[in-house]
Amino acid sequence: MNKSRISASLAIILAPYIVAASAFAFDPPKQAYKAVYDMPLAKEAKAQMIIAWNGKDIGVTHAPRNGENLRIVSDFKNHRAILFMDAHKIASPVPLSAEFTEIYDVQTYKNKATKTLGSKTINGQKCHGYIFVDHGTTREVWIGDDCKVLVVSKYPGAEKNNLTLKSFDKSPADSEFNATIPADYETYIPKSAKTNEKNTK
């Protein structure tokens, strides 16, 4: 993939995340964890999404986006997120915004709920379910009572974005949470991210 195509791909991937940084409430999880989810991309293919939290101030997700395996490191201590395209050794730091918090703060789902669905056991996890509107789309989530993470996330009409918890680890390795951009990586900063950063100073 040439540089122009990579830049175009990054622009598409980054679009949902490039918003002006704003004050947002965030109650970080008190425990470290690594959750692995099955994620159907198409009828004939499946992928996995990984969500991990270090118990303090760094969260990491691994997710397929626009044909790339994207790694997003949310660094709450330094108030920035770094999107890594490791296959191409490219990193894109952007201001941290509410877009990056919801995936780690399950209380957000409860606060936004328009309907509660009661409780049931899913894949051995006792859960409570909620329905809420997520960026204009109705979404159903089930949160584990003990693990306190998403167990199931459903998008009616957009099933390729559904998540189902496959495994849960309470002791992820420290190496999962490296928020440093390697010296041999190229740094790509979208113009919109630069503009938003200036506007928040």
Protein backbone atom coordinates (compact mmCIF):
# COMPACT_ATOMS: atom_id res chain seq x y z
CA MET A 1 0.00 0.00 0.00
CA ASN A 2 1.50 3.34 -1.04
CA LYS A 3 1.62 6.41 1.19
CA SER A 4 -1.32 8.21 -0.44
CA ARG A 5 -3.56 5.18 -0.06
CA ILE A 6 -2.48 4.77 3.55
CA SER A 7 -3.28 8.44 4.23
CA ALA A 8 -6.70 8.05 2.61
CA SER A 9 -7.34 4.91 4.62
CA LEU A 10 -6.33 6.65 7.83
CA ALA A 11 -8.60 9.60 7.07
CA ILE A 12 -11.58 7.24 6.80
CA ILE A 13 -10.61 5.32 9.94
CA LEU A 14 -9.98 8.46 11.98
CA ALA A 15 -13.13 10.31 10.93
CA PRO A 16 -15.32 9.16 13.87
CA TYR A 17 -12.59 10.07 16.35
CA ILE A 18 -11.54 13.52 15.15
CA VAL A 19 -13.82 15.69 17.24
CA ALA A 20 -12.98 18.66 19.40
CA ALA A 21 -11.72 17.60 22.81
CA SER A 22 -14.25 18.43 25.49
CA ALA A 23 -14.79 17.90 29.18
CA PHE A 24 -16.37 14.52 29.83
CA ALA A 25 -17.11 12.45 32.88
CA PHE A 26 -15.19 9.20 33.07
CA ASP A 27 -15.19 6.69 35.89
CA PRO A 28 -12.24 4.43 35.05
CA PRO A 29 -12.49 0.73 35.87
CA LYS A 30 -10.63 -0.17 39.05
CA GLN A 31 -9.45 -3.53 37.74
CA ALA A 32 -7.15 -4.45 34.87
CA TYR A 33 -8.56 -6.78 32.24
CA LYS A 34 -8.33 -8.04 28.70
CA ALA A 35 -11.53 -9.00 26.91
CA VAL A 36 -11.54 -10.79 23.56
CA TYR A 37 -14.66 -10.60 21.39
CA ASP A 38 -15.90 -12.38 18.31
CA MET A 39 -16.96 -9.86 15.68
CA PRO A 40 -18.68 -10.95 12.43
CA LEU A 41 -17.38 -8.90 9.52
CA ALA A 42 -19.38 -10.68 6.86
CA LYS A 43 -21.41 -13.83 6.41
CA GLU A 44 -18.33 -15.82 5.45
CA ALA A 45 -15.79 -14.20 7.76
CA LYS A 46 -15.25 -13.43 11.42
CA ALA A 47 -12.75 -11.24 13.19
CA GLN A 48 -11.82 -10.52 16.77
CA MET A 49 -11.87 -7.30 18.71
CA ILE A 50 -9.78 -6.90 21.86
CA ILE A 51 -10.47 -4.40 24.64
CA ALA A 52 -7.94 -4.08 27.46
CA TRP A 53 -7.51 -1.76 30.45
CA ASN A 54 -4.48 -1.46 32.75
CA GLY A 55 -6.51 -0.60 35.85
CA LYS A 56 -5.20 2.98 35.95
CA ASP A 57 -5.07 5.23 32.92
CA ILE A 58 -4.41 3.34 29.67
CA GLY A 59 -6.85 1.43 27.53
CA VAL A 60 -6.12 -0.48 24.33
CA THR A 61 -8.40 -1.79 21.61
CA HIS A 62 -7.53 -3.94 18.60
CA ALA A 63 -10.18 -3.82 15.91
CA PRO A 64 -10.56 -4.31 12.16
CA ARG A 65 -11.39 -1.03 10.43
CA ASN A 66 -11.53 -0.35 6.69
CA GLY A 67 -9.48 -3.44 5.90
CA GLU A 68 -6.83 -2.65 8.51
CA ASN A 69 -6.12 -4.21 11.90
CA LEU A 70 -6.15 -1.03 13.94
CA ARG A 71 -4.68 -0.70 17.44
CA ILE A 72 -5.92 2.26 19.48
CA VAL A 73 -4.13 3.25 22.69
CA SER A 74 -6.17 5.63 24.84
CA ASP A 75 -3.75 7.43 27.17
CA PHE A 76 -5.88 9.21 29.78
CA LYS A 77 -2.87 10.46 31.73
CA ASN A 78 -1.62 12.49 28.74
CA HIS A 79 -5.11 13.07 27.32
CA ARG A 80 -4.44 11.65 23.89
CA ALA A 81 -5.24 8.60 21.80
CA ILE A 82 -2.77 7.00 19.41
CA LEU A 83 -4.03 5.02 16.44
CA PHE A 84 -1.46 2.51 15.22
CA MET A 85 -1.33 0.85 11.82
CA ASP A 86 1.36 -1.61 12.88
CA ALA A 87 1.51 -3.37 9.52
CA HIS A 88 2.71 -0.08 7.98
CA LYS A 89 4.58 1.31 11.03
CA ILE A 90 2.39 4.41 11.16
CA ALA A 91 1.02 6.11 14.28
CA SER A 92 -1.59 8.89 14.49
CA PRO A 93 -1.91 10.74 17.80
CA VAL A 94 -5.19 12.65 18.25
CA PRO A 95 -6.82 14.49 21.17
CA LEU A 96 -8.63 12.19 23.55
CA SER A 97 -12.39 12.70 23.46
CA ALA A 98 -15.53 11.07 24.79
CA GLU A 99 -15.45 8.78 21.74
CA PHE A 100 -12.62 6.88 23.43
CA THR A 101 -14.07 6.60 26.94
CA GLU A 102 -17.35 4.80 26.48
CA ILE A 103 -15.78 1.49 25.56
CA TYR A 104 -14.09 1.29 28.97
CA ASP A 105 -16.72 2.95 31.15
CA VAL A 106 -19.73 0.60 31.21
CA GLN A 107 -21.59 3.05 33.45
CA THR A 108 -22.03 5.15 30.30
CA TYR A 109 -24.29 2.47 28.83
CA LYS A 110 -26.44 2.41 31.95
CA ASN A 111 -26.69 6.20 32.04
CA LYS A 112 -27.82 6.34 28.41
CA ALA A 113 -30.30 3.48 28.71
CA THR A 114 -33.81 4.13 27.39
CA LYS A 115 -34.95 0.67 28.51
CA THR A 116 -33.68 -2.06 30.82
CA LEU A 117 -33.90 -5.68 29.69
CA GLY A 118 -33.55 -7.48 32.99
CA SER A 119 -30.98 -10.19 33.64
CA LYS A 120 -29.86 -13.43 32.03
CA THR A 121 -26.77 -15.64 31.78
CA ILE A 122 -24.77 -15.42 28.53
CA ASN A 123 -21.79 -17.71 27.90
CA GLY A 124 -21.56 -18.39 31.63
CA GLN A 125 -21.66 -14.69 32.58
CA LYS A 126 -24.55 -13.30 34.61
CA CYS A 127 -25.58 -10.08 32.86
CA HIS A 128 -27.98 -7.16 32.86
CA GLY A 129 -29.20 -5.77 29.55
CA TYR A 130 -29.89 -2.24 28.34
CA ILE A 131 -31.14 -0.51 25.19
CA PHE A 132 -29.99 2.98 24.30
CA VAL A 133 -29.44 5.26 21.32
CA ASP A 134 -25.80 5.32 20.21
CA HIS A 135 -25.01 8.10 17.69
CA GLY A 136 -28.53 7.88 16.29
CA THR A 137 -28.61 4.07 16.24
CA THR A 138 -30.54 1.92 18.70
CA ARG A 139 -28.16 -0.47 20.40
CA GLU A 140 -28.57 -3.40 22.80
CA VAL A 141 -25.85 -4.25 25.32
CA TRP A 142 -25.43 -6.85 28.02
CA ILE A 143 -22.96 -6.10 30.83
CA GLY A 144 -21.48 -8.79 33.05
CA ASP A 145 -22.34 -8.50 36.74
CA ASP A 146 -18.99 -9.95 37.83
CA CYS A 147 -16.58 -9.10 35.00
CA LYS A 148 -18.15 -5.61 34.60
CA VAL A 149 -17.46 -5.43 30.87
CA LEU A 150 -19.56 -5.78 27.74
CA VAL A 151 -20.58 -9.38 27.19
CA VAL A 152 -22.76 -8.76 24.14
CA SER A 153 -23.25 -5.67 21.99
CA LYS A 154 -25.84 -5.74 19.20
CA TYR A 155 -26.51 -3.24 16.41
CA PRO A 156 -29.83 -4.10 14.72
CA GLY A 157 -29.34 -3.75 10.97
CA ALA A 158 -25.55 -3.59 11.30
CA GLU A 159 -24.76 -7.07 12.56
CA LYS A 160 -21.15 -6.92 11.37
CA ASN A 161 -20.50 -4.57 14.31
CA ASN A 162 -21.90 -6.98 16.91
CA LEU A 163 -19.61 -8.18 19.69
CA THR A 164 -19.77 -11.36 21.77
CA LEU A 165 -17.33 -11.94 24.64
CA LYS A 166 -15.11 -14.94 23.97
CA SER A 167 -12.58 -14.74 26.81
CA PHE A 168 -11.81 -12.55 29.82
CA ASP A 169 -8.43 -12.17 31.56
CA LYS A 170 -8.02 -10.25 34.85
CA SER A 171 -4.21 -10.19 34.61
CA PRO A 172 -3.11 -8.88 31.19
CA ALA A 173 0.61 -8.39 30.60
CA ASP A 174 2.05 -4.88 31.09
CA SER A 175 3.34 -5.04 27.52
CA GLU A 176 -0.27 -4.70 26.32
CA PHE A 177 -0.31 -1.05 27.38
CA ASN A 178 2.70 0.58 25.72
CA ALA A 179 1.70 4.15 24.82
CA THR A 180 5.05 5.09 23.26
CA ILE A 181 5.37 5.58 19.51
CA PRO A 182 8.38 3.51 18.31
CA ALA A 183 11.26 5.47 16.80
CA ASP A 184 10.92 3.67 13.45
CA TYR A 185 7.22 4.60 13.06
CA GLU A 186 6.06 7.48 10.88
CA THR A 187 3.75 9.90 12.68
CA TYR A 188 0.67 11.02 10.77
CA ILE A 189 -1.41 13.88 12.20
CA PRO A 190 -4.60 14.73 10.26
CA LYS A 191 -5.21 18.43 9.59
CA SER A 192 -8.53 18.27 11.43
CA ALA A 193 -6.78 16.93 14.52
CA LYS A 194 -4.25 19.79 14.40
CA THR A 195 -7.08 22.32 14.10
CA ASN A 196 -8.98 20.84 17.03
CA GLU A 197 -5.84 20.81 19.16
CA LYS A 198 -5.26 24.53 18.48
CA ASN A 199 -8.87 25.36 19.28
CA THR A 200 -8.68 23.67 22.69
CA LYS A 201 -5.56 25.57 23.83
